[in-house]
Amino acid sequence: MLNNLLLRLGFRGHDGKAKPGNLDENGNLKVTLSGTIFGADISDRPPANSVPVGTTFVITNAELDAWISNGTDWVVI
């Protein structure tokens, strides 16, 4: 039943069989990290261009230092 629904919605793999739509060319599921990332220190922060715009990074210290990604850089908030 699910396979038929996926096929009707146009989700087909290279082999013509039903596939979920969020797969890359190798059949791996594509995922997106979003929301808020917490870390113990600045070394835990990923590159700003590796997360969706608007993702925040917060260091879990007394000040709760925080940055937001603009897609290129981390901007202090």
Protein backbone atom coordinates (compact mmCIF):
# COMPACT_ATOMS: atom_id res chain seq x y z
CA MET A 1 0.00 0.00 0.00
CA LEU A 2 2.78 2.47 0.92
CA ASN A 3 4.73 1.52 -2.20
CA ASN A 4 1.68 2.26 -4.38
CA LEU A 5 1.19 5.64 -2.70
CA LEU A 6 4.86 6.54 -3.16
CA LEU A 7 4.69 5.55 -6.83
CA ARG A 8 1.52 7.62 -7.38
CA LEU A 9 3.24 10.61 -5.81
CA GLY A 10 6.20 10.19 -8.16
CA PHE A 11 8.78 8.89 -5.70
CA ARG A 12 10.75 6.44 -7.83
CA GLY A 13 14.32 5.28 -7.55
CA HIS A 14 16.63 4.65 -10.51
CA ASP A 15 15.34 1.09 -10.57
CA GLY A 16 11.69 2.27 -10.96
CA LYS A 17 10.72 0.99 -7.53
CA ALA A 18 9.05 3.19 -4.92
CA LYS A 19 11.47 5.23 -2.82
CA PRO A 20 10.94 7.95 -0.21
CA GLY A 21 11.60 11.36 -1.74
CA ASN A 22 14.36 12.46 0.61
CA LEU A 23 17.15 10.22 -0.71
CA ASP A 24 20.38 11.23 -2.39
CA GLU A 25 21.70 9.63 -5.59
CA ASN A 26 23.24 6.78 -3.55
CA GLY A 27 20.01 5.95 -1.74
CA ASN A 28 21.08 7.55 1.53
CA LEU A 29 18.48 9.47 3.51
CA LYS A 30 19.14 13.22 3.44
CA VAL A 31 18.68 14.93 6.79
CA THR A 32 18.93 18.52 7.92
CA LEU A 33 20.17 19.70 11.26
CA SER A 34 18.14 22.61 12.53
CA GLY A 35 17.09 24.31 15.70
CA THR A 36 19.46 24.89 18.57
CA ILE A 37 22.78 23.16 19.12
CA PHE A 38 24.27 23.12 22.61
CA GLY A 39 27.95 22.70 23.38
CA ALA A 40 30.36 22.80 26.29
CA ASP A 41 32.68 25.25 24.51
CA ILE A 42 33.27 26.99 21.20
CA SER A 43 35.10 23.96 19.77
CA ASP A 44 31.74 22.13 19.69
CA ARG A 45 30.27 24.68 17.25
CA PRO A 46 30.02 23.35 13.66
CA PRO A 47 30.89 25.53 10.65
CA ALA A 48 28.16 28.14 10.02
CA ASN A 49 27.73 26.96 6.43
CA SER A 50 27.06 23.37 7.54
CA VAL A 51 23.77 24.19 9.31
CA PRO A 52 20.56 25.83 8.06
CA VAL A 53 20.30 29.61 8.30
CA GLY A 54 18.73 30.50 11.64
CA THR A 55 20.31 27.65 13.60
CA THR A 56 21.53 28.81 16.97
CA PHE A 57 24.51 27.55 18.94
CA VAL A 58 24.57 28.01 22.72
CA ILE A 59 27.46 27.34 25.09
CA THR A 60 26.13 25.87 28.32
CA ASN A 61 27.99 28.22 30.62
CA ALA A 62 26.67 30.72 33.21
CA GLU A 63 26.24 33.39 30.51
CA LEU A 64 24.66 31.07 27.91
CA ASP A 65 26.77 32.64 25.14
CA ALA A 66 24.81 32.32 21.89
CA TRP A 67 25.30 32.76 18.14
CA ILE A 68 23.01 32.42 15.12
CA SER A 69 24.09 31.16 11.70
CA ASN A 70 23.47 33.40 8.69
CA GLY A 71 24.64 30.60 6.40
CA THR A 72 28.17 31.95 6.18
CA ASP A 73 29.14 33.17 9.65
CA TRP A 74 28.08 32.80 13.27
CA VAL A 75 26.67 36.11 14.55
CA VAL A 76 26.60 36.86 18.29
CA ILE A 77 23.09 37.26 19.69
